[in-house]
Amino acid sequence: MEFPSELFYTSSHEWVRLETDGSITVGITDLARDSLGELVYVDLPIVGRTVSRGESCVVVESTKAASDVYAPVDGEIIARNDSLSNTPQTVNEAPYGAGWLFKLKPAVPGAEKELMSSHQYQSESGAH
């Protein structure tokens, strides 16, 4: 399994990448993708929606189960990966790349630094 060191992670298995404009891109980790199995549907958030840390804002459905994806920080949804509507399996194929879910403008700049590092996430989740 892969856990890129430049990303931040949540205990609910989201990854967060800080972008140069201060926004963050959010997706699900390789561990979450592996646990869920092949995704068949992704219900993305509405752009412009304000979310609170820990709030469910995406639902991913696989052949095994449906699962919520949570906002890693407080902020506003500024983009979503609409291509996943037609090709949800992209999350399985490239969870840290083309399989991203949404972008968020954090309410507090730097809030992602409160999240876990790759090492911390692997230790807490038992992933290797």
C-alpha atoms as a PDB file:
ATOM      1  CA  MET A   1       0.000   0.000   0.000  1.00  0.00           C
ATOM      2  CA  GLU A   2       1.045   3.527  -0.683  1.00  0.00           C
ATOM      3  CA  PHE A   3       0.944   6.500   1.744  1.00  0.00           C
ATOM      4  CA  PRO A   4       2.692   9.496   0.152  1.00  0.00           C
ATOM      5  CA  SER A   5       4.720  11.405   2.734  1.00  0.00           C
ATOM      6  CA  GLU A   6       3.803  14.852   1.367  1.00  0.00           C
ATOM      7  CA  LEU A   7       0.124  14.314   2.234  1.00  0.00           C
ATOM      8  CA  PHE A   8      -1.771  14.696   5.506  1.00  0.00           C
ATOM      9  CA  TYR A   9      -4.221  12.034   6.761  1.00  0.00           C
ATOM     10  CA  THR A  10      -7.290  11.650   8.972  1.00  0.00           C
ATOM     11  CA  SER A  11      -8.266   8.778  11.242  1.00  0.00           C
ATOM     12  CA  SER A  12     -11.355   8.305   9.016  1.00  0.00           C
ATOM     13  CA  HIS A  13      -9.044   7.503   6.043  1.00  0.00           C
ATOM     14  CA  GLU A  14      -9.081  10.722   4.019  1.00  0.00           C
ATOM     15  CA  TRP A  15      -5.886  12.156   2.549  1.00  0.00           C
ATOM     16  CA  VAL A  16      -5.245  15.880   2.153  1.00  0.00           C
ATOM     17  CA  ARG A  17      -2.875  17.656  -0.227  1.00  0.00           C
ATOM     18  CA  LEU A  18      -2.076  21.347   0.263  1.00  0.00           C
ATOM     19  CA  GLU A  19      -2.182  23.195  -3.069  1.00  0.00           C
ATOM     20  CA  THR A  20      -0.098  26.268  -3.966  1.00  0.00           C
ATOM     21  CA  ASP A  21      -3.171  28.542  -3.754  1.00  0.00           C
ATOM     22  CA  GLY A  22      -3.841  27.494  -0.132  1.00  0.00           C
ATOM     23  CA  SER A  23      -6.744  25.194  -1.030  1.00  0.00           C
ATOM     24  CA  ILE A  24      -6.649  21.489  -0.187  1.00  0.00           C
ATOM     25  CA  THR A  25      -7.498  18.476  -2.305  1.00  0.00           C
ATOM     26  CA  VAL A  26      -9.190  15.553  -0.546  1.00  0.00           C
ATOM     27  CA  GLY A  27      -9.489  11.879  -1.418  1.00  0.00           C
ATOM     28  CA  ILE A  28      -9.606   8.489   0.264  1.00  0.00           C
ATOM     29  CA  THR A  29      -6.484   6.566   1.199  1.00  0.00           C
ATOM     30  CA  ASP A  30      -5.165   3.407  -0.385  1.00  0.00           C
ATOM     31  CA  LEU A  31      -6.195   1.572   2.791  1.00  0.00           C
ATOM     32  CA  ALA A  32      -9.797   2.821   2.496  1.00  0.00           C
ATOM     33  CA  ARG A  33      -9.875   1.995  -1.206  1.00  0.00           C
ATOM     34  CA  ASP A  34      -8.595  -1.506  -0.492  1.00  0.00           C
ATOM     35  CA  SER A  35     -11.137  -2.053   2.312  1.00  0.00           C
ATOM     36  CA  LEU A  36     -14.075  -0.869   0.212  1.00  0.00           C
ATOM     37  CA  GLY A  37     -13.290  -2.820  -2.925  1.00  0.00           C
ATOM     38  CA  GLU A  38     -14.327  -1.688  -6.403  1.00  0.00           C
ATOM     39  CA  LEU A  39     -16.225   1.611  -6.288  1.00  0.00           C
ATOM     40  CA  VAL A  40     -19.397   1.725  -8.355  1.00  0.00           C
ATOM     41  CA  TYR A  41     -20.808   5.147  -7.367  1.00  0.00           C
ATOM     42  CA  VAL A  42     -19.602   8.423  -5.858  1.00  0.00           C
ATOM     43  CA  ASP A  43     -22.029  11.061  -4.520  1.00  0.00           C
ATOM     44  CA  LEU A  44     -20.037  14.313  -4.568  1.00  0.00           C
ATOM     45  CA  PRO A  45     -20.713  17.511  -2.577  1.00  0.00           C
ATOM     46  CA  ILE A  46     -22.210  20.700  -3.983  1.00  0.00           C
ATOM     47  CA  VAL A  47     -19.656  23.398  -4.818  1.00  0.00           C
ATOM     48  CA  GLY A  48     -20.132  26.364  -2.497  1.00  0.00           C
ATOM     49  CA  ARG A  49     -21.258  24.221   0.431  1.00  0.00           C
ATOM     50  CA  THR A  50     -19.681  25.074   3.773  1.00  0.00           C
ATOM     51  CA  VAL A  51     -18.588  22.043   5.799  1.00  0.00           C
ATOM     52  CA  SER A  52     -17.290  21.466   9.309  1.00  0.00           C
ATOM     53  CA  ARG A  53     -14.423  19.171  10.222  1.00  0.00           C
ATOM     54  CA  GLY A  54     -15.769  15.638  10.619  1.00  0.00           C
ATOM     55  CA  GLU A  55     -18.965  16.337   8.647  1.00  0.00           C
ATOM     56  CA  SER A  56     -19.975  13.775   6.039  1.00  0.00           C
ATOM     57  CA  CYS A  57     -19.757  15.391   2.620  1.00  0.00           C
ATOM     58  CA  VAL A  58     -19.277  12.523   0.140  1.00  0.00           C
ATOM     59  CA  VAL A  59     -20.680   9.006  -0.082  1.00  0.00           C
ATOM     60  CA  VAL A  60     -18.762   6.312  -1.930  1.00  0.00           C
ATOM     61  CA  GLU A  61     -20.452   3.032  -2.777  1.00  0.00           C
ATOM     62  CA  SER A  62     -18.674  -0.171  -3.635  1.00  0.00           C
ATOM     63  CA  THR A  63     -19.690  -3.696  -4.399  1.00  0.00           C
ATOM     64  CA  LYS A  64     -19.231  -4.343  -0.642  1.00  0.00           C
ATOM     65  CA  ALA A  65     -20.714  -1.289   1.131  1.00  0.00           C
ATOM     66  CA  ALA A  66     -21.486   2.426   1.171  1.00  0.00           C
ATOM     67  CA  SER A  67     -19.209   4.661   3.183  1.00  0.00           C
ATOM     68  CA  ASP A  68     -19.134   8.329   4.154  1.00  0.00           C
ATOM     69  CA  VAL A  69     -16.162  10.556   3.429  1.00  0.00           C
ATOM     70  CA  TYR A  70     -15.675  13.371   5.925  1.00  0.00           C
ATOM     71  CA  ALA A  71     -14.407  16.941   5.691  1.00  0.00           C
ATOM     72  CA  PRO A  72     -10.869  16.958   7.128  1.00  0.00           C
ATOM     73  CA  VAL A  73     -11.089  20.647   8.142  1.00  0.00           C
ATOM     74  CA  ASP A  74     -13.699  23.430   8.274  1.00  0.00           C
ATOM     75  CA  GLY A  75     -14.119  25.204   4.953  1.00  0.00           C
ATOM     76  CA  GLU A  76     -15.950  25.697   1.690  1.00  0.00           C
ATOM     77  CA  ILE A  77     -16.147  23.187  -1.157  1.00  0.00           C
ATOM     78  CA  ILE A  78     -14.615  24.954  -4.169  1.00  0.00           C
ATOM     79  CA  ALA A  79     -14.403  22.069  -6.668  1.00  0.00           C
ATOM     80  CA  ARG A  80     -15.396  18.451  -7.115  1.00  0.00           C
ATOM     81  CA  ASN A  81     -14.139  15.708  -9.400  1.00  0.00           C
ATOM     82  CA  ASP A  82     -17.152  15.403 -11.693  1.00  0.00           C
ATOM     83  CA  SER A  83     -15.397  12.815 -13.873  1.00  0.00           C
ATOM     84  CA  LEU A  84     -16.047  10.290 -11.079  1.00  0.00           C
ATOM     85  CA  SER A  85     -19.767  10.343 -11.901  1.00  0.00           C
ATOM     86  CA  ASN A  86     -19.015   8.322 -15.038  1.00  0.00           C
ATOM     87  CA  THR A  87     -15.852   6.555 -13.888  1.00  0.00           C
ATOM     88  CA  PRO A  88     -15.939   5.955 -10.102  1.00  0.00           C
ATOM     89  CA  GLN A  89     -13.357   3.184 -10.532  1.00  0.00           C
ATOM     90  CA  THR A  90     -10.759   5.950 -11.039  1.00  0.00           C
ATOM     91  CA  VAL A  91     -10.616   6.157  -7.226  1.00  0.00           C
ATOM     92  CA  ASN A  92      -9.498   2.506  -7.167  1.00  0.00           C
ATOM     93  CA  GLU A  93      -6.981   2.995  -9.973  1.00  0.00           C
ATOM     94  CA  ALA A  94      -5.415   6.279  -8.756  1.00  0.00           C
ATOM     95  CA  PRO A  95      -6.564   7.181  -5.225  1.00  0.00           C
ATOM     96  CA  TYR A  96      -3.860   9.868  -4.813  1.00  0.00           C
ATOM     97  CA  GLY A  97      -4.082  11.211  -8.369  1.00  0.00           C
ATOM     98  CA  ALA A  98      -7.018  11.337 -10.770  1.00  0.00           C
ATOM     99  CA  GLY A  99      -9.227   9.719  -8.102  1.00  0.00           C
ATOM    100  CA  TRP A 100      -9.360  12.829  -5.878  1.00  0.00           C
ATOM    101  CA  LEU A 101     -12.863  13.680  -4.612  1.00  0.00           C
ATOM    102  CA  PHE A 102     -13.131  17.410  -3.851  1.00  0.00           C
ATOM    103  CA  LYS A 103     -11.225  20.604  -3.139  1.00  0.00           C
ATOM    104  CA  LEU A 104     -11.785  22.743  -0.092  1.00  0.00           C
ATOM    105  CA  LYS A 105     -10.859  26.307   0.851  1.00  0.00           C
ATOM    106  CA  PRO A 106      -9.992  25.967   4.552  1.00  0.00           C
ATOM    107  CA  ALA A 107     -11.691  28.403   6.948  1.00  0.00           C
ATOM    108  CA  VAL A 108      -8.362  28.646   8.787  1.00  0.00           C
ATOM    109  CA  PRO A 109      -5.195  28.617   6.654  1.00  0.00           C
ATOM    110  CA  GLY A 110      -2.808  25.872   7.744  1.00  0.00           C
ATOM    111  CA  ALA A 111      -5.538  23.777   9.411  1.00  0.00           C
ATOM    112  CA  GLU A 112      -4.262  20.708   7.558  1.00  0.00           C
ATOM    113  CA  LYS A 113      -1.139  20.784   9.750  1.00  0.00           C
ATOM    114  CA  GLU A 114      -3.309  19.496  12.622  1.00  0.00           C
ATOM    115  CA  LEU A 115      -3.866  16.254  10.696  1.00  0.00           C
ATOM    116  CA  MET A 116      -1.654  13.160  10.800  1.00  0.00           C
ATOM    117  CA  SER A 117       1.559  12.638   8.874  1.00  0.00           C
ATOM    118  CA  SER A 118       1.967   9.577   6.676  1.00  0.00           C
ATOM    119  CA  HIS A 119       3.939   7.841   9.443  1.00  0.00           C
ATOM    120  CA  GLN A 120       1.334   8.677  12.110  1.00  0.00           C
ATOM    121  CA  TYR A 121      -1.514   7.464   9.875  1.00  0.00           C
ATOM    122  CA  GLN A 122       0.231   4.173   9.109  1.00  0.00           C
ATOM    123  CA  SER A 123       0.922   3.590  12.808  1.00  0.00           C
ATOM    124  CA  GLU A 124      -2.617   4.420  13.919  1.00  0.00           C
ATOM    125  CA  SER A 125      -4.367   2.483  11.163  1.00  0.00           C
ATOM    126  CA  GLY A 126      -2.104  -0.557  11.373  1.00  0.00           C
ATOM    127  CA  ALA A 127      -1.250  -0.200   7.675  1.00  0.00           C
ATOM    128  CA  HIS A 128       2.136  -1.313   6.422  1.00  0.00           C
END
